[in-house]
Amino acid sequence: MPSASGAEPHRARPIQTGRLVVRRPFERFRAHTHTRPLFLCRECGAPWPCQPARLALLVCYRGDPQGLRDFLSGRLMVARADQPRIDPAELAVRFLGWIPPDP
């Protein structure tokens, strides 16, 4: 459906090259990032890091578990400053409790 300006909205469409159709599923992916000060997911509204964010972080920091811990520890400190009434242990479990242990 054309918009008020007359242009069609952008949609993720398959690209056809000869007989091969290339699909781009990543065009529809939206990052599950947090909002401040509540640290809720912008995409799904769940407490961040939500399950899709956790999966994306594990993939992003594959091979660097200490980097993942450092990143999430920094986000934890910001969340504690933004939400002083929430139990710090509860926030620590939410941010760091799901990380798999080192082998």
PDB file of N, CA and C in Angstrom:
ATOM      1  N   MET A   1       0.840  -1.170   0.000  1.00  0.00           N
ATOM      2  CA  MET A   1       0.000   0.000   0.000  1.00  0.00           C
ATOM      3  C   MET A   1       0.888   1.237   0.000  1.00  0.00           C
ATOM      4  N   PRO A   2       0.714   2.166  -0.939  1.00  0.00           N
ATOM      5  CA  PRO A   2       1.529   3.371  -0.976  1.00  0.00           C
ATOM      6  C   PRO A   2       1.254   4.259   0.225  1.00  0.00           C
ATOM      7  N   SER A   3       2.289   4.962   0.669  1.00  0.00           N
ATOM      8  CA  SER A   3       2.118   5.897   1.779  1.00  0.00           C
ATOM      9  C   SER A   3       1.580   7.213   1.252  1.00  0.00           C
ATOM     10  N   ALA A   4       1.427   8.179   2.165  1.00  0.00           N
ATOM     11  CA  ALA A   4       0.882   9.476   1.790  1.00  0.00           C
ATOM     12  C   ALA A   4       1.754  10.169   0.747  1.00  0.00           C
ATOM     13  N   SER A   5       3.047   9.887   0.764  1.00  0.00           N
ATOM     14  CA  SER A   5       3.945  10.521  -0.209  1.00  0.00           C
ATOM     15  C   SER A   5       3.901   9.825  -1.566  1.00  0.00           C
ATOM     16  N   GLY A   6       3.196   8.698  -1.622  1.00  0.00           N
ATOM     17  CA  GLY A   6       3.084   7.986  -2.888  1.00  0.00           C
ATOM     18  C   GLY A   6       4.115   6.896  -3.061  1.00  0.00           C
ATOM     19  N   ALA A   7       5.103   6.830  -2.178  1.00  0.00           N
ATOM     20  CA  ALA A   7       6.140   5.803  -2.282  1.00  0.00           C
ATOM     21  C   ALA A   7       5.708   4.565  -1.506  1.00  0.00           C
ATOM     22  N   GLU A   8       6.111   3.420  -2.004  1.00  0.00           N
ATOM     23  CA  GLU A   8       5.793   2.186  -1.294  1.00  0.00           C
ATOM     24  C   GLU A   8       6.765   2.010  -0.133  1.00  0.00           C
ATOM     25  N   PRO A   9       6.288   1.452   0.996  1.00  0.00           N
ATOM     26  CA  PRO A   9       7.198   1.218   2.119  1.00  0.00           C
ATOM     27  C   PRO A   9       8.198   0.124   1.773  1.00  0.00           C
ATOM     28  N   HIS A  10       9.364   0.180   2.417  1.00  0.00           N
ATOM     29  CA  HIS A  10      10.418  -0.809   2.172  1.00  0.00           C
ATOM     30  C   HIS A  10       9.995  -2.142   2.774  1.00  0.00           C
ATOM     31  N   ARG A  11      10.110  -3.192   2.015  1.00  0.00           N
ATOM     32  CA  ARG A  11       9.820  -4.546   2.489  1.00  0.00           C
ATOM     33  C   ARG A  11      10.987  -5.443   2.098  1.00  0.00           C
ATOM     34  N   ALA A  12      11.258  -6.416   2.960  1.00  0.00           N
ATOM     35  CA  ALA A  12      12.302  -7.391   2.645  1.00  0.00           C
ATOM     36  C   ALA A  12      11.759  -8.340   1.593  1.00  0.00           C
ATOM     37  N   ARG A  13      12.301  -8.238   0.407  1.00  0.00           N
ATOM     38  CA  ARG A  13      11.862  -9.087  -0.707  1.00  0.00           C
ATOM     39  C   ARG A  13      13.018  -9.960  -1.154  1.00  0.00           C
ATOM     40  N   PRO A  14      12.710 -11.156  -1.610  1.00  0.00           N
ATOM     41  CA  PRO A  14      13.796 -11.991  -2.146  1.00  0.00           C
ATOM     42  C   PRO A  14      14.379 -11.357  -3.400  1.00  0.00           C
ATOM     43  N   ILE A  15      15.660 -11.536  -3.579  1.00  0.00           N
ATOM     44  CA  ILE A  15      16.329 -11.050  -4.783  1.00  0.00           C
ATOM     45  C   ILE A  15      16.426 -12.229  -5.741  1.00  0.00           C
ATOM     46  N   GLN A  16      16.010 -12.024  -6.965  1.00  0.00           N
ATOM     47  CA  GLN A  16      16.053 -13.101  -7.940  1.00  0.00           C
ATOM     48  C   GLN A  16      17.169 -12.803  -8.928  1.00  0.00           C
ATOM     49  N   THR A  17      18.126 -13.715  -9.006  1.00  0.00           N
ATOM     50  CA  THR A  17      19.228 -13.597  -9.955  1.00  0.00           C
ATOM     51  C   THR A  17      19.180 -14.820 -10.851  1.00  0.00           C
ATOM     52  N   GLY A  18      18.679 -14.642 -12.045  1.00  0.00           N
ATOM     53  CA  GLY A  18      18.521 -15.785 -12.945  1.00  0.00           C
ATOM     54  C   GLY A  18      17.518 -16.762 -12.374  1.00  0.00           C
ATOM     55  N   ARG A  19      17.959 -17.968 -12.097  1.00  0.00           N
ATOM     56  CA  ARG A  19      17.066 -18.975 -11.539  1.00  0.00           C
ATOM     57  C   ARG A  19      17.248 -19.127 -10.038  1.00  0.00           C
ATOM     58  N   LEU A  20      18.214 -18.416  -9.447  1.00  0.00           N
ATOM     59  CA  LEU A  20      18.510 -18.522  -8.030  1.00  0.00           C
ATOM     60  C   LEU A  20      17.793 -17.411  -7.266  1.00  0.00           C
ATOM     61  N   VAL A  21      17.092 -17.757  -6.219  1.00  0.00           N
ATOM     62  CA  VAL A  21      16.423 -16.768  -5.369  1.00  0.00           C
ATOM     63  C   VAL A  21      17.183 -16.698  -4.056  1.00  0.00           C
ATOM     64  N   VAL A  22      17.654 -15.508  -3.707  1.00  0.00           N
ATOM     65  CA  VAL A  22      18.402 -15.291  -2.477  1.00  0.00           C
ATOM     66  C   VAL A  22      17.471 -14.644  -1.471  1.00  0.00           C
ATOM     67  N   ARG A  23      17.302 -15.286  -0.338  1.00  0.00           N
ATOM     68  CA  ARG A  23      16.447 -14.732   0.706  1.00  0.00           C
ATOM     69  C   ARG A  23      17.312 -13.993   1.721  1.00  0.00           C
ATOM     70  N   ARG A  24      16.783 -12.934   2.259  1.00  0.00           N
ATOM     71  CA  ARG A  24      17.500 -12.149   3.249  1.00  0.00           C
ATOM     72  C   ARG A  24      16.692 -12.099   4.546  1.00  0.00           C
ATOM     73  N   PRO A  25      16.711 -13.155   5.331  1.00  0.00           N
ATOM     74  CA  PRO A  25      15.917 -13.135   6.556  1.00  0.00           C
ATOM     75  C   PRO A  25      16.436 -12.135   7.577  1.00  0.00           C
ATOM     76  N   PHE A  26      17.728 -11.796   7.505  1.00  0.00           N
ATOM     77  CA  PHE A  26      18.288 -10.862   8.463  1.00  0.00           C
ATOM     78  C   PHE A  26      17.722  -9.461   8.310  1.00  0.00           C
ATOM     79  N   GLU A  27      17.123  -9.136   7.168  1.00  0.00           N
ATOM     80  CA  GLU A  27      16.544  -7.812   6.994  1.00  0.00           C
ATOM     81  C   GLU A  27      15.354  -7.593   7.920  1.00  0.00           C
ATOM     82  N   ARG A  28      14.710  -8.683   8.317  1.00  0.00           N
ATOM     83  CA  ARG A  28      13.556  -8.557   9.199  1.00  0.00           C
ATOM     84  C   ARG A  28      13.948  -8.611  10.663  1.00  0.00           C
ATOM     85  N   PHE A  29      15.194  -8.970  10.970  1.00  0.00           N
ATOM     86  CA  PHE A  29      15.632  -9.096  12.358  1.00  0.00           C
ATOM     87  C   PHE A  29      15.791  -7.722  12.975  1.00  0.00           C
ATOM     88  N   ARG A  30      15.263  -7.564  14.141  1.00  0.00           N
ATOM     89  CA  ARG A  30      15.449  -6.327  14.904  1.00  0.00           C
ATOM     90  C   ARG A  30      16.200  -6.678  16.176  1.00  0.00           C
ATOM     91  N   ALA A  31      17.192  -5.903  16.466  1.00  0.00           N
ATOM     92  CA  ALA A  31      18.011  -6.170  17.645  1.00  0.00           C
ATOM     93  C   ALA A  31      17.197  -5.987  18.920  1.00  0.00           C
ATOM     94  N   HIS A  32      17.394  -6.874  19.858  1.00  0.00           N
ATOM     95  CA  HIS A  32      16.729  -6.789  21.157  1.00  0.00           C
ATOM     96  C   HIS A  32      17.653  -6.028  22.100  1.00  0.00           C
ATOM     97  N   THR A  33      17.565  -4.705  22.047  1.00  0.00           N
ATOM     98  CA  THR A  33      18.382  -3.832  22.876  1.00  0.00           C
ATOM     99  C   THR A  33      17.560  -3.310  24.038  1.00  0.00           C
ATOM    100  N   HIS A  34      18.233  -2.743  25.029  1.00  0.00           N
ATOM    101  CA  HIS A  34      17.534  -2.290  26.233  1.00  0.00           C
ATOM    102  C   HIS A  34      17.170  -0.812  26.170  1.00  0.00           C
ATOM    103  N   THR A  35      16.196  -0.465  26.985  1.00  0.00           N
ATOM    104  CA  THR A  35      15.841   0.929  27.197  1.00  0.00           C
ATOM    105  C   THR A  35      16.252   1.296  28.614  1.00  0.00           C
ATOM    106  N   ARG A  36      16.527   2.547  28.828  1.00  0.00           N
ATOM    107  CA  ARG A  36      16.846   3.015  30.167  1.00  0.00           C
ATOM    108  C   ARG A  36      15.728   3.920  30.637  1.00  0.00           C
ATOM    109  N   PRO A  37      15.414   3.964  31.869  1.00  0.00           N
ATOM    110  CA  PRO A  37      16.098   3.399  33.030  1.00  0.00           C
ATOM    111  C   PRO A  37      15.582   2.023  33.448  1.00  0.00           C
ATOM    112  N   LEU A  38      14.554   1.498  32.810  1.00  0.00           N
ATOM    113  CA  LEU A  38      13.950   0.242  33.271  1.00  0.00           C
ATOM    114  C   LEU A  38      14.653  -1.006  32.767  1.00  0.00           C
ATOM    115  N   PHE A  39      15.505  -0.876  31.770  1.00  0.00           N
ATOM    116  CA  PHE A  39      16.199  -2.002  31.163  1.00  0.00           C
ATOM    117  C   PHE A  39      15.207  -3.069  30.709  1.00  0.00           C
ATOM    118  N   LEU A  40      14.240  -2.620  29.928  1.00  0.00           N
ATOM    119  CA  LEU A  40      13.312  -3.510  29.245  1.00  0.00           C
ATOM    120  C   LEU A  40      13.724  -3.575  27.785  1.00  0.00           C
ATOM    121  N   CYS A  41      13.400  -4.685  27.118  1.00  0.00           N
ATOM    122  CA  CYS A  41      13.754  -4.856  25.715  1.00  0.00           C
ATOM    123  C   CYS A  41      12.910  -3.932  24.846  1.00  0.00           C
ATOM    124  N   ARG A  42      13.549  -3.238  23.923  1.00  0.00           N
ATOM    125  CA  ARG A  42      12.829  -2.349  22.996  1.00  0.00           C
ATOM    126  C   ARG A  42      11.916  -3.127  22.059  1.00  0.00           C
ATOM    127  N   GLU A  43      12.295  -4.357  21.750  1.00  0.00           N
ATOM    128  CA  GLU A  43      11.562  -5.135  20.756  1.00  0.00           C
ATOM    129  C   GLU A  43      10.412  -5.929  21.364  1.00  0.00           C
ATOM    130  N   CYS A  44      10.660  -6.650  22.463  1.00  0.00           N
ATOM    131  CA  CYS A  44       9.624  -7.544  23.005  1.00  0.00           C
ATOM    132  C   CYS A  44       9.080  -7.099  24.358  1.00  0.00           C
ATOM    133  N   GLY A  45       9.706  -6.143  25.016  1.00  0.00           N
ATOM    134  CA  GLY A  45       9.202  -5.635  26.281  1.00  0.00           C
ATOM    135  C   GLY A  45       9.570  -6.465  27.496  1.00  0.00           C
ATOM    136  N   ALA A  46      10.296  -7.555  27.317  1.00  0.00           N
ATOM    137  CA  ALA A  46      10.700  -8.406  28.437  1.00  0.00           C
ATOM    138  C   ALA A  46      11.874  -7.762  29.174  1.00  0.00           C
ATOM    139  N   PRO A  47      12.098  -8.173  30.425  1.00  0.00           N
ATOM    140  CA  PRO A  47      13.291  -7.659  31.119  1.00  0.00           C
ATOM    141  C   PRO A  47      14.548  -8.013  30.339  1.00  0.00           C
ATOM    142  N   TRP A  48      15.401  -7.013  30.146  1.00  0.00           N
ATOM    143  CA  TRP A  48      16.618  -7.212  29.363  1.00  0.00           C
ATOM    144  C   TRP A  48      17.728  -7.701  30.265  1.00  0.00           C
ATOM    145  N   PRO A  49      18.552  -8.642  29.865  1.00  0.00           N
ATOM    146  CA  PRO A  49      18.609  -9.267  28.565  1.00  0.00           C
ATOM    147  C   PRO A  49      17.547 -10.362  28.406  1.00  0.00           C
ATOM    148  N   CYS A  50      16.688 -10.187  27.417  1.00  0.00           N
ATOM    149  CA  CYS A  50      15.648 -11.167  27.114  1.00  0.00           C
ATOM    150  C   CYS A  50      16.284 -12.366  26.417  1.00  0.00           C
ATOM    151  N   GLN A  51      15.499 -13.381  26.162  1.00  0.00           N
ATOM    152  CA  GLN A  51      16.053 -14.607  25.562  1.00  0.00           C
ATOM    153  C   GLN A  51      16.694 -14.356  24.186  1.00  0.00           C
ATOM    154  N   PRO A  52      16.045 -13.594  23.273  1.00  0.00           N
ATOM    155  CA  PRO A  52      16.721 -13.325  21.987  1.00  0.00           C
ATOM    156  C   PRO A  52      18.005 -12.511  22.156  1.00  0.00           C
ATOM    157  N   ALA A  53      18.028 -11.584  23.117  1.00  0.00           N
ATOM    158  CA  ALA A  53      19.241 -10.799  23.353  1.00  0.00           C
ATOM    159  C   ALA A  53      20.350 -11.690  23.900  1.00  0.00           C
ATOM    160  N   ARG A  54      19.995 -12.620  24.771  1.00  0.00           N
ATOM    161  CA  ARG A  54      20.993 -13.541  25.312  1.00  0.00           C
ATOM    162  C   ARG A  54      21.616 -14.385  24.203  1.00  0.00           C
ATOM    163  N   LEU A  55      20.783 -14.887  23.325  1.00  0.00           N
ATOM    164  CA  LEU A  55      21.292 -15.687  22.213  1.00  0.00           C
ATOM    165  C   LEU A  55      22.210 -14.853  21.322  1.00  0.00           C
ATOM    166  N   ALA A  56      21.788 -13.626  21.005  1.00  0.00           N
ATOM    167  CA  ALA A  56      22.609 -12.757  20.161  1.00  0.00           C
ATOM    168  C   ALA A  56      23.931 -12.421  20.846  1.00  0.00           C
ATOM    169  N   LEU A  57      23.909 -12.200  22.160  1.00  0.00           N
ATOM    170  CA  LEU A  57      25.135 -11.900  22.891  1.00  0.00           C
ATOM    171  C   LEU A  57      26.072 -13.109  22.919  1.00  0.00           C
ATOM    172  N   LEU A  58      25.517 -14.295  23.102  1.00  0.00           N
ATOM    173  CA  LEU A  58      26.351 -15.498  23.083  1.00  0.00           C
ATOM    174  C   LEU A  58      27.026 -15.678  21.728  1.00  0.00           C
ATOM    175  N   VAL A  59      26.300 -15.386  20.667  1.00  0.00           N
ATOM    176  CA  VAL A  59      26.878 -15.502  19.321  1.00  0.00           C
ATOM    177  C   VAL A  59      27.933 -14.416  19.115  1.00  0.00           C
ATOM    178  N   CYS A  60      27.618 -13.212  19.529  1.00  0.00           N
ATOM    179  CA  CYS A  60      28.532 -12.077  19.338  1.00  0.00           C
ATOM    180  C   CYS A  60      29.842 -12.270  20.108  1.00  0.00           C
ATOM    181  N   TYR A  61      29.740 -12.801  21.319  1.00  0.00           N
ATOM    182  CA  TYR A  61      30.922 -12.973  22.166  1.00  0.00           C
ATOM    183  C   TYR A  61      31.425 -14.413  22.171  1.00  0.00           C
ATOM    184  N   ARG A  62      31.109 -15.175  21.138  1.00  0.00           N
ATOM    185  CA  ARG A  62      31.583 -16.552  21.041  1.00  0.00           C
ATOM    186  C   ARG A  62      33.111 -16.546  21.058  1.00  0.00           C
ATOM    187  N   GLY A  63      33.687 -17.335  21.926  1.00  0.00           N
ATOM    188  CA  GLY A  63      35.139 -17.381  22.032  1.00  0.00           C
ATOM    189  C   GLY A  63      35.720 -16.323  22.952  1.00  0.00           C
ATOM    190  N   ASP A  64      34.884 -15.439  23.507  1.00  0.00           N
ATOM    191  CA  ASP A  64      35.345 -14.398  24.417  1.00  0.00           C
ATOM    192  C   ASP A  64      34.398 -14.295  25.612  1.00  0.00           C
ATOM    193  N   PRO A  65      34.337 -15.328  26.459  1.00  0.00           N
ATOM    194  CA  PRO A  65      33.398 -15.281  27.586  1.00  0.00           C
ATOM    195  C   PRO A  65      33.716 -14.154  28.573  1.00  0.00           C
ATOM    196  N   GLN A  66      34.990 -13.823  28.725  1.00  0.00           N
ATOM    197  CA  GLN A  66      35.335 -12.727  29.629  1.00  0.00           C
ATOM    198  C   GLN A  66      34.842 -11.391  29.073  1.00  0.00           C
ATOM    199  N   GLY A  67      34.897 -11.214  27.778  1.00  0.00           N
ATOM    200  CA  GLY A  67      34.363  -9.996  27.160  1.00  0.00           C
ATOM    201  C   GLY A  67      32.862  -9.877  27.385  1.00  0.00           C
ATOM    202  N   LEU A  68      32.144 -11.006  27.301  1.00  0.00           N
ATOM    203  CA  LEU A  68      30.706 -11.004  27.578  1.00  0.00           C
ATOM    204  C   LEU A  68      30.443 -10.624  29.024  1.00  0.00           C
ATOM    205  N   ARG A  69      31.210 -11.205  29.951  1.00  0.00           N
ATOM    206  CA  ARG A  69      31.036 -10.857  31.369  1.00  0.00           C
ATOM    207  C   ARG A  69      31.332  -9.381  31.613  1.00  0.00           C
ATOM    208  N   ASP A  70      32.375  -8.871  30.984  1.00  0.00           N
ATOM    209  CA  ASP A  70      32.727  -7.456  31.155  1.00  0.00           C
ATOM    210  C   ASP A  70      31.611  -6.551  30.636  1.00  0.00           C
ATOM    211  N   PHE A  71      31.080  -6.865  29.450  1.00  0.00           N
ATOM    212  CA  PHE A  71      30.010  -6.055  28.878  1.00  0.00           C
ATOM    213  C   PHE A  71      28.785  -6.060  29.783  1.00  0.00           C
ATOM    214  N   LEU A  72      28.364  -7.261  30.193  1.00  0.00           N
ATOM    215  CA  LEU A  72      27.164  -7.355  31.019  1.00  0.00           C
ATOM    216  C   LEU A  72      27.380  -6.785  32.419  1.00  0.00           C
ATOM    217  N   SER A  73      28.590  -6.865  32.939  1.00  0.00           N
ATOM    218  CA  SER A  73      28.880  -6.244  34.237  1.00  0.00           C
ATOM    219  C   SER A  73      28.743  -4.733  34.151  1.00  0.00           C
ATOM    220  N   GLY A  74      29.179  -4.167  33.042  1.00  0.00           N
ATOM    221  CA  GLY A  74      29.005  -2.725  32.841  1.00  0.00           C
ATOM    222  C   GLY A  74      27.547  -2.336  32.754  1.00  0.00           C
ATOM    223  N   ARG A  75      26.755  -3.119  32.027  1.00  0.00           N
ATOM    224  CA  ARG A  75      25.310  -2.861  31.941  1.00  0.00           C
ATOM    225  C   ARG A  75      24.649  -3.039  33.310  1.00  0.00           C
ATOM    226  N   LEU A  76      25.133  -4.010  34.091  1.00  0.00           N
ATOM    227  CA  LEU A  76      24.605  -4.231  35.438  1.00  0.00           C
ATOM    228  C   LEU A  76      24.850  -3.015  36.321  1.00  0.00           C
ATOM    229  N   MET A  77      26.023  -2.434  36.242  1.00  0.00           N
ATOM    230  CA  MET A  77      26.325  -1.249  37.057  1.00  0.00           C
ATOM    231  C   MET A  77      25.423  -0.073  36.680  1.00  0.00           C
ATOM    232  N   VAL A  78      25.175   0.088  35.390  1.00  0.00           N
ATOM    233  CA  VAL A  78      24.277   1.156  34.943  1.00  0.00           C
ATOM    234  C   VAL A  78      22.859   0.883  35.433  1.00  0.00           C
ATOM    235  N   ALA A  79      22.411  -0.365  35.354  1.00  0.00           N
ATOM    236  CA  ALA A  79      21.064  -0.726  35.799  1.00  0.00           C
ATOM    237  C   ALA A  79      20.919  -0.512  37.301  1.00  0.00           C
ATOM    238  N   ARG A  80      21.959  -0.835  38.071  1.00  0.00           N
ATOM    239  CA  ARG A  80      21.891  -0.611  39.526  1.00  0.00           C
ATOM    240  C   ARG A  80      21.777   0.873  39.845  1.00  0.00           C
ATOM    241  N   ALA A  81      22.487   1.703  39.088  1.00  0.00           N
ATOM    242  CA  ALA A  81      22.398   3.152  39.315  1.00  0.00           C
ATOM    243  C   ALA A  81      21.026   3.689  38.909  1.00  0.00           C
ATOM    244  N   ASP A  82      20.465   3.140  37.821  1.00  0.00           N
ATOM    245  CA  ASP A  82      19.160   3.598  37.338  1.00  0.00           C
ATOM    246  C   ASP A  82      18.005   3.102  38.198  1.00  0.00           C
ATOM    247  N   GLN A  83      18.174   1.948  38.851  1.00  0.00           N
ATOM    248  CA  GLN A  83      17.096   1.338  39.627  1.00  0.00           C
ATOM    249  C   GLN A  83      17.592   0.979  41.030  1.00  0.00           C
ATOM    250  N   PRO A  84      17.802   1.969  41.882  1.00  0.00           N
ATOM    251  CA  PRO A  84      18.373   1.685  43.208  1.00  0.00           C
ATOM    252  C   PRO A  84      17.446   0.884  44.121  1.00  0.00           C
ATOM    253  N   ARG A  85      16.160   0.833  43.822  1.00  0.00           N
ATOM    254  CA  ARG A  85      15.217   0.120  44.693  1.00  0.00           C
ATOM    255  C   ARG A  85      15.155  -1.387  44.423  1.00  0.00           C
ATOM    256  N   ILE A  86      15.674  -1.822  43.297  1.00  0.00           N
ATOM    257  CA  ILE A  86      15.669  -3.248  42.983  1.00  0.00           C
ATOM    258  C   ILE A  86      16.846  -3.912  43.682  1.00  0.00           C
ATOM    259  N   ASP A  87      16.602  -5.095  44.235  1.00  0.00           N
ATOM    260  CA  ASP A  87      17.625  -5.861  44.938  1.00  0.00           C
ATOM    261  C   ASP A  87      18.820  -6.107  44.009  1.00  0.00           C
ATOM    262  N   PRO A  88      20.022  -5.717  44.425  1.00  0.00           N
ATOM    263  CA  PRO A  88      21.203  -5.913  43.574  1.00  0.00           C
ATOM    264  C   PRO A  88      21.453  -7.381  43.216  1.00  0.00           C
ATOM    265  N   ALA A  89      21.133  -8.297  44.132  1.00  0.00           N
ATOM    266  CA  ALA A  89      21.331  -9.721  43.837  1.00  0.00           C
ATOM    267  C   ALA A  89      20.387 -10.165  42.719  1.00  0.00           C
ATOM    268  N   GLU A  90      19.168  -9.643  42.720  1.00  0.00           N
ATOM    269  CA  GLU A  90      18.203  -9.982  41.660  1.00  0.00           C
ATOM    270  C   GLU A  90      18.703  -9.482  40.306  1.00  0.00           C
ATOM    271  N   LEU A  91      19.234  -8.274  40.285  1.00  0.00           N
ATOM    272  CA  LEU A  91      19.786  -7.744  39.032  1.00  0.00           C
ATOM    273  C   LEU A  91      21.000  -8.544  38.575  1.00  0.00           C
ATOM    274  N   ALA A  92      21.845  -8.950  39.522  1.00  0.00           N
ATOM    275  CA  ALA A  92      23.032  -9.723  39.163  1.00  0.00           C
ATOM    276  C   ALA A  92      22.646 -11.058  38.531  1.00  0.00           C
ATOM    277  N   VAL A  93      21.633 -11.713  39.076  1.00  0.00           N
ATOM    278  CA  VAL A  93      21.177 -12.973  38.500  1.00  0.00           C
ATOM    279  C   VAL A  93      20.602 -12.730  37.110  1.00  0.00           C
ATOM    280  N   ARG A  94      19.854 -11.662  36.956  1.00  0.00           N
ATOM    281  CA  ARG A  94      19.239 -11.337  35.661  1.00  0.00           C
ATOM    282  C   ARG A  94      20.296 -11.058  34.595  1.00  0.00           C
ATOM    283  N   PHE A  95      21.336 -10.336  34.951  1.00  0.00           N
ATOM    284  CA  PHE A  95      22.343  -9.943  33.968  1.00  0.00           C
ATOM    285  C   PHE A  95      23.440 -10.982  33.779  1.00  0.00           C
ATOM    286  N   LEU A  96      23.838 -11.665  34.861  1.00  0.00           N
ATOM    287  CA  LEU A  96      25.000 -12.546  34.779  1.00  0.00           C
ATOM    288  C   LEU A  96      24.701 -14.011  35.057  1.00  0.00           C
ATOM    289  N   GLY A  97      23.560 -14.316  35.647  1.00  0.00           N
ATOM    290  CA  GLY A  97      23.266 -15.674  36.071  1.00  0.00           C
ATOM    291  C   GLY A  97      23.050 -16.663  34.945  1.00  0.00           C
ATOM    292  N   TRP A  98      22.796 -16.206  33.759  1.00  0.00           N
ATOM    293  CA  TRP A  98      22.503 -17.092  32.618  1.00  0.00           C
ATOM    294  C   TRP A  98      23.743 -17.441  31.793  1.00  0.00           C
ATOM    295  N   ILE A  99      24.867 -16.808  32.072  1.00  0.00           N
ATOM    296  CA  ILE A  99      26.074 -17.034  31.278  1.00  0.00           C
ATOM    297  C   ILE A  99      26.618 -18.431  31.590  1.00  0.00           C
ATOM    298  N   PRO A 100      26.898 -19.241  30.568  1.00  0.00           N
ATOM    299  CA  PRO A 100      27.429 -20.578  30.826  1.00  0.00           C
ATOM    300  C   PRO A 100      28.813 -20.497  31.452  1.00  0.00           C
ATOM    301  N   PRO A 101      29.123 -21.441  32.348  1.00  0.00           N
ATOM    302  CA  PRO A 101      30.455 -21.422  32.977  1.00  0.00           C
ATOM    303  C   PRO A 101      31.551 -21.743  31.964  1.00  0.00           C
ATOM    304  N   ASP A 102      32.762 -21.297  32.282  1.00  0.00           N
ATOM    305  CA  ASP A 102      33.908 -21.606  31.419  1.00  0.00           C
ATOM    306  C   ASP A 102      34.185 -23.103  31.483  1.00  0.00           C
ATOM    307  N   PRO A 103      34.631 -23.682  30.376  1.00  0.00           N
ATOM    308  CA  PRO A 103      34.945 -25.130  30.385  1.00  0.00           C
ATOM    309  C   PRO A 103      36.175 -25.429  31.219  1.00  0.00           C
TER     310      PRO A 103
END
